[in-house]
Amino acid sequence: MLFDSTKLAKSIRRSFVSERREKHARDIESFVAAQHRAVRKKMTKGLEAATTENLGNRVSEWLFDIDELAWANYWLAFASDHEHLVPGSSPIQLLATKQVEMRTARESRRAD
């Protein structure tokens, strides 16, 4: 399977500062379980290429909504580990840009 829910949960837990990990443990477990179900459903329908499509966006949006600091930590780690996917700027610059985009999107969703 292309999706490892254990690794995803571990990386999300690591993004929270230690005093917030326990607070969000159930939220993380529920979120990862939902993503796992969605991926399995797509795979059973033969949509193998789409199994993890947009997973990174779903993770970052969920983290941004639940805990902005965790989102920032997760995104910085992703940008640092995958520079070939986010070329052209430092992770800090990219984080600031992405944070503005996420805030704008969240505010527009609230206005609707």
N, C-alpha and C. Protein backbone atom coordinates (compact mmCIF):
# COMPACT_ATOMS: atom_id res chain seq x y z
N MET A 1 0.84 -1.18 0.00
CA MET A 1 0.00 0.00 0.00
C MET A 1 0.89 1.25 0.00
N LEU A 2 0.44 2.27 -0.70
CA LEU A 2 1.19 3.51 -0.81
C LEU A 2 1.10 4.37 0.45
N PHE A 3 0.18 4.03 1.33
CA PHE A 3 -0.13 4.87 2.48
C PHE A 3 0.20 4.13 3.76
N ASP A 4 1.03 4.72 4.60
CA ASP A 4 1.38 4.11 5.88
C ASP A 4 0.83 5.00 6.99
N SER A 5 -0.29 4.59 7.55
CA SER A 5 -0.95 5.41 8.56
C SER A 5 -0.10 5.57 9.82
N THR A 6 0.71 4.58 10.15
CA THR A 6 1.57 4.67 11.32
C THR A 6 2.60 5.79 11.15
N LYS A 7 3.21 5.86 9.96
CA LYS A 7 4.20 6.92 9.70
C LYS A 7 3.53 8.29 9.70
N LEU A 8 2.34 8.37 9.10
CA LEU A 8 1.64 9.65 9.06
C LEU A 8 1.32 10.12 10.48
N ALA A 9 0.77 9.23 11.30
CA ALA A 9 0.44 9.60 12.68
C ALA A 9 1.69 10.05 13.44
N LYS A 10 2.79 9.34 13.24
CA LYS A 10 4.03 9.68 13.92
C LYS A 10 4.52 11.07 13.50
N SER A 11 4.48 11.36 12.22
CA SER A 11 4.96 12.67 11.76
C SER A 11 4.05 13.79 12.25
N ILE A 12 2.75 13.53 12.30
CA ILE A 12 1.83 14.55 12.80
C ILE A 12 2.07 14.77 14.30
N ARG A 13 2.20 13.68 15.07
CA ARG A 13 2.46 13.82 16.52
C ARG A 13 3.73 14.62 16.76
N ARG A 14 4.77 14.36 15.97
CA ARG A 14 6.03 15.08 16.14
C ARG A 14 5.90 16.57 15.85
N SER A 15 4.91 16.96 15.07
CA SER A 15 4.76 18.37 14.73
C SER A 15 4.21 19.18 15.90
N PHE A 16 3.52 18.52 16.83
CA PHE A 16 2.99 19.22 17.99
C PHE A 16 4.08 19.39 19.04
N VAL A 17 4.09 20.54 19.70
CA VAL A 17 5.02 20.70 20.81
C VAL A 17 4.59 19.71 21.88
N SER A 18 5.54 19.24 22.67
CA SER A 18 5.30 18.12 23.58
C SER A 18 4.09 18.32 24.49
N GLU A 19 3.87 19.50 25.00
CA GLU A 19 2.74 19.70 25.90
C GLU A 19 1.38 19.66 25.20
N ARG A 20 1.37 19.70 23.89
CA ARG A 20 0.10 19.63 23.14
C ARG A 20 -0.15 18.26 22.52
N ARG A 21 0.84 17.39 22.52
CA ARG A 21 0.69 16.07 21.88
C ARG A 21 -0.43 15.27 22.51
N GLU A 22 -0.45 15.19 23.82
CA GLU A 22 -1.49 14.41 24.50
C GLU A 22 -2.86 15.04 24.30
N LYS A 23 -2.92 16.36 24.33
CA LYS A 23 -4.19 17.06 24.15
C LYS A 23 -4.84 16.67 22.83
N HIS A 24 -4.03 16.50 21.78
CA HIS A 24 -4.56 16.22 20.45
C HIS A 24 -4.44 14.76 20.03
N ALA A 25 -4.06 13.88 20.94
CA ALA A 25 -3.83 12.48 20.57
C ALA A 25 -5.05 11.84 19.91
N ARG A 26 -6.22 12.03 20.47
CA ARG A 26 -7.44 11.45 19.88
C ARG A 26 -7.79 12.09 18.54
N ASP A 27 -7.58 13.39 18.44
CA ASP A 27 -7.83 14.08 17.17
C ASP A 27 -6.94 13.52 16.07
N ILE A 28 -5.67 13.32 16.41
CA ILE A 28 -4.71 12.77 15.43
C ILE A 28 -5.15 11.38 15.01
N GLU A 29 -5.49 10.55 15.99
CA GLU A 29 -5.91 9.18 15.71
C GLU A 29 -7.14 9.16 14.80
N SER A 30 -8.11 10.00 15.08
CA SER A 30 -9.34 10.06 14.26
C SER A 30 -9.04 10.56 12.85
N PHE A 31 -8.21 11.58 12.75
CA PHE A 31 -7.88 12.14 11.44
C PHE A 31 -7.15 11.12 10.58
N VAL A 32 -6.14 10.46 11.15
CA VAL A 32 -5.36 9.48 10.39
C VAL A 32 -6.24 8.30 10.00
N ALA A 33 -7.13 7.86 10.90
CA ALA A 33 -8.04 6.75 10.57
C ALA A 33 -8.94 7.13 9.41
N ALA A 34 -9.44 8.35 9.39
CA ALA A 34 -10.29 8.80 8.29
C ALA A 34 -9.51 8.83 6.97
N GLN A 35 -8.26 9.28 7.02
CA GLN A 35 -7.45 9.29 5.80
C GLN A 35 -7.17 7.87 5.33
N HIS A 36 -6.92 6.97 6.26
CA HIS A 36 -6.67 5.58 5.92
C HIS A 36 -7.89 4.96 5.24
N ARG A 37 -9.08 5.23 5.79
CA ARG A 37 -10.31 4.71 5.17
C ARG A 37 -10.51 5.26 3.77
N ALA A 38 -10.24 6.55 3.60
CA ALA A 38 -10.41 7.17 2.28
C ALA A 38 -9.46 6.56 1.25
N VAL A 39 -8.22 6.31 1.66
CA VAL A 39 -7.24 5.72 0.75
C VAL A 39 -7.65 4.30 0.39
N ARG A 40 -8.05 3.51 1.39
CA ARG A 40 -8.47 2.12 1.12
C ARG A 40 -9.67 2.07 0.19
N LYS A 41 -10.59 3.00 0.38
CA LYS A 41 -11.79 3.06 -0.47
C LYS A 41 -11.40 3.33 -1.92
N LYS A 42 -10.48 4.26 -2.13
CA LYS A 42 -10.03 4.56 -3.49
C LYS A 42 -9.31 3.37 -4.10
N MET A 43 -8.51 2.68 -3.29
CA MET A 43 -7.76 1.54 -3.82
C MET A 43 -8.70 0.40 -4.21
N THR A 44 -9.77 0.18 -3.45
CA THR A 44 -10.70 -0.90 -3.79
C THR A 44 -11.48 -0.57 -5.06
N LYS A 45 -11.58 0.69 -5.39
CA LYS A 45 -12.26 1.09 -6.62
C LYS A 45 -11.30 1.15 -7.80
N GLY A 46 -10.05 0.74 -7.59
CA GLY A 46 -9.07 0.73 -8.66
C GLY A 46 -8.48 2.09 -8.97
N LEU A 47 -8.58 3.00 -8.05
CA LEU A 47 -8.04 4.35 -8.26
C LEU A 47 -6.65 4.47 -7.64
N GLU A 48 -5.79 3.54 -8.00
CA GLU A 48 -4.46 3.47 -7.37
C GLU A 48 -3.67 4.77 -7.51
N ALA A 49 -3.76 5.42 -8.64
CA ALA A 49 -2.98 6.65 -8.84
C ALA A 49 -3.48 7.79 -7.95
N ALA A 50 -4.74 7.70 -7.54
CA ALA A 50 -5.33 8.78 -6.75
C ALA A 50 -5.35 8.48 -5.25
N THR A 51 -4.71 7.40 -4.83
CA THR A 51 -4.86 7.00 -3.43
C THR A 51 -4.32 8.00 -2.43
N THR A 52 -3.22 8.63 -2.72
CA THR A 52 -2.66 9.60 -1.77
C THR A 52 -2.72 11.03 -2.32
N GLU A 53 -3.43 11.21 -3.41
CA GLU A 53 -3.55 12.53 -4.01
C GLU A 53 -4.11 13.53 -3.01
N ASN A 54 -3.47 14.63 -2.90
CA ASN A 54 -3.87 15.73 -2.01
C ASN A 54 -3.78 15.40 -0.53
N LEU A 55 -3.15 14.30 -0.16
CA LEU A 55 -3.03 13.96 1.26
C LEU A 55 -2.25 15.03 2.02
N GLY A 56 -1.18 15.51 1.42
CA GLY A 56 -0.40 16.57 2.07
C GLY A 56 -1.22 17.82 2.32
N ASN A 57 -2.06 18.18 1.36
CA ASN A 57 -2.93 19.34 1.54
C ASN A 57 -3.94 19.11 2.65
N ARG A 58 -4.52 17.90 2.69
CA ARG A 58 -5.50 17.60 3.74
C ARG A 58 -4.84 17.67 5.12
N VAL A 59 -3.63 17.14 5.23
CA VAL A 59 -2.92 17.18 6.51
C VAL A 59 -2.64 18.63 6.91
N SER A 60 -2.09 19.41 5.98
CA SER A 60 -1.73 20.78 6.34
C SER A 60 -2.96 21.62 6.66
N GLU A 61 -4.07 21.44 5.94
CA GLU A 61 -5.30 22.19 6.24
C GLU A 61 -5.85 21.81 7.61
N TRP A 62 -5.85 20.50 7.91
CA TRP A 62 -6.36 20.04 9.20
C TRP A 62 -5.49 20.58 10.33
N LEU A 63 -4.18 20.48 10.19
CA LEU A 63 -3.29 20.99 11.23
C LEU A 63 -3.44 22.50 11.40
N PHE A 64 -3.60 23.20 10.31
CA PHE A 64 -3.76 24.65 10.39
C PHE A 64 -5.01 24.99 11.18
N ASP A 65 -6.10 24.25 10.94
CA ASP A 65 -7.35 24.51 11.64
C ASP A 65 -7.27 24.14 13.12
N ILE A 66 -6.56 23.06 13.44
CA ILE A 66 -6.55 22.58 14.83
C ILE A 66 -5.47 23.25 15.67
N ASP A 67 -4.33 23.55 15.08
CA ASP A 67 -3.21 24.09 15.86
C ASP A 67 -2.19 24.70 14.91
N GLU A 68 -2.21 26.02 14.83
CA GLU A 68 -1.35 26.68 13.85
C GLU A 68 0.13 26.43 14.08
N LEU A 69 0.55 26.31 15.32
CA LEU A 69 1.96 26.05 15.61
C LEU A 69 2.37 24.68 15.08
N ALA A 70 1.51 23.68 15.29
CA ALA A 70 1.81 22.33 14.78
C ALA A 70 1.87 22.36 13.26
N TRP A 71 0.96 23.10 12.65
CA TRP A 71 0.96 23.20 11.19
C TRP A 71 2.28 23.79 10.71
N ALA A 72 2.72 24.85 11.38
CA ALA A 72 3.97 25.50 10.98
C ALA A 72 5.14 24.53 11.12
N ASN A 73 5.19 23.80 12.22
CA ASN A 73 6.26 22.82 12.42
C ASN A 73 6.24 21.75 11.34
N TYR A 74 5.06 21.23 11.05
CA TYR A 74 4.91 20.17 10.05
C TYR A 74 5.35 20.68 8.67
N TRP A 75 4.88 21.87 8.32
CA TRP A 75 5.18 22.41 6.99
C TRP A 75 6.66 22.74 6.84
N LEU A 76 7.25 23.27 7.90
CA LEU A 76 8.69 23.55 7.85
C LEU A 76 9.49 22.27 7.66
N ALA A 77 9.11 21.22 8.38
CA ALA A 77 9.81 19.95 8.25
C ALA A 77 9.64 19.40 6.84
N PHE A 78 8.42 19.49 6.29
CA PHE A 78 8.17 19.02 4.94
C PHE A 78 9.01 19.80 3.94
N ALA A 79 8.99 21.12 4.06
CA ALA A 79 9.75 21.96 3.12
C ALA A 79 11.24 21.69 3.21
N SER A 80 11.72 21.45 4.41
CA SER A 80 13.15 21.17 4.59
C SER A 80 13.53 19.81 4.01
N ASP A 81 12.63 18.83 4.18
CA ASP A 81 12.91 17.47 3.71
C ASP A 81 12.66 17.28 2.22
N HIS A 82 11.90 18.20 1.61
CA HIS A 82 11.51 18.03 0.21
C HIS A 82 11.79 19.29 -0.59
N GLU A 83 12.99 19.79 -0.49
CA GLU A 83 13.33 21.04 -1.17
C GLU A 83 13.10 20.96 -2.67
N HIS A 84 13.24 19.76 -3.24
CA HIS A 84 13.01 19.61 -4.68
C HIS A 84 11.54 19.85 -5.04
N LEU A 85 10.63 19.72 -4.06
CA LEU A 85 9.21 19.97 -4.32
C LEU A 85 8.83 21.42 -4.11
N VAL A 86 9.63 22.14 -3.35
CA VAL A 86 9.33 23.54 -3.06
C VAL A 86 10.57 24.40 -3.29
N PRO A 87 11.07 24.42 -4.53
CA PRO A 87 12.30 25.15 -4.80
C PRO A 87 12.09 26.66 -4.85
N GLY A 88 13.16 27.38 -4.76
CA GLY A 88 13.10 28.81 -5.02
C GLY A 88 13.11 29.70 -3.80
N SER A 89 12.89 29.18 -2.63
CA SER A 89 12.88 30.01 -1.43
C SER A 89 13.33 29.18 -0.25
N SER A 90 13.64 29.87 0.81
CA SER A 90 13.97 29.16 2.04
C SER A 90 12.69 28.63 2.65
N PRO A 91 12.76 27.59 3.45
CA PRO A 91 11.55 27.09 4.12
C PRO A 91 10.83 28.16 4.94
N ILE A 92 11.58 29.08 5.54
CA ILE A 92 10.95 30.14 6.35
C ILE A 92 10.12 31.07 5.46
N GLN A 93 10.67 31.45 4.30
CA GLN A 93 9.92 32.31 3.39
C GLN A 93 8.68 31.59 2.87
N LEU A 94 8.85 30.33 2.53
CA LEU A 94 7.72 29.55 2.05
C LEU A 94 6.65 29.40 3.13
N LEU A 95 7.08 29.21 4.36
CA LEU A 95 6.14 29.08 5.47
C LEU A 95 5.32 30.35 5.63
N ALA A 96 5.97 31.49 5.59
CA ALA A 96 5.26 32.75 5.74
C ALA A 96 4.24 32.94 4.62
N THR A 97 4.63 32.64 3.40
CA THR A 97 3.72 32.77 2.26
C THR A 97 2.55 31.82 2.40
N LYS A 98 2.83 30.57 2.72
CA LYS A 98 1.78 29.57 2.86
C LYS A 98 0.85 29.91 4.01
N GLN A 99 1.39 30.46 5.09
CA GLN A 99 0.56 30.81 6.23
C GLN A 99 -0.45 31.89 5.85
N VAL A 100 -0.03 32.87 5.09
CA VAL A 100 -0.95 33.91 4.62
C VAL A 100 -2.04 33.29 3.75
N GLU A 101 -1.65 32.39 2.85
CA GLU A 101 -2.62 31.73 1.98
C GLU A 101 -3.64 30.92 2.79
N MET A 102 -3.17 30.19 3.78
CA MET A 102 -4.06 29.37 4.60
C MET A 102 -5.01 30.23 5.42
N ARG A 103 -4.51 31.32 5.99
CA ARG A 103 -5.38 32.22 6.76
C ARG A 103 -6.46 32.81 5.87
N THR A 104 -6.06 33.25 4.69
CA THR A 104 -7.01 33.83 3.75
C THR A 104 -8.09 32.82 3.37
N ALA A 105 -7.67 31.59 3.08
CA ALA A 105 -8.63 30.53 2.72
C ALA A 105 -9.57 30.24 3.88
N ARG A 106 -9.04 30.16 5.10
CA ARG A 106 -9.87 29.87 6.27
C ARG A 106 -10.87 30.99 6.50
N GLU A 107 -10.42 32.24 6.37
CA GLU A 107 -11.33 33.38 6.56
C GLU A 107 -12.42 33.40 5.51
N SER A 108 -12.08 33.04 4.28
CA SER A 108 -13.10 33.04 3.23
C SER A 108 -14.11 31.92 3.44
N ARG A 109 -13.66 30.76 3.99
CA ARG A 109 -14.59 29.67 4.31
C ARG A 109 -15.54 30.08 5.41
N ARG A 110 -15.03 30.81 6.39
CA ARG A 110 -15.87 31.28 7.50
C ARG A 110 -16.90 32.29 7.02
N ALA A 111 -16.52 33.12 6.04
CA ALA A 111 -17.43 34.15 5.52
C ALA A 111 -18.57 33.54 4.71
N ASP A 112 -18.36 32.35 4.17
CA ASP A 112 -19.40 31.72 3.33
C ASP A 112 -20.52 31.19 4.13
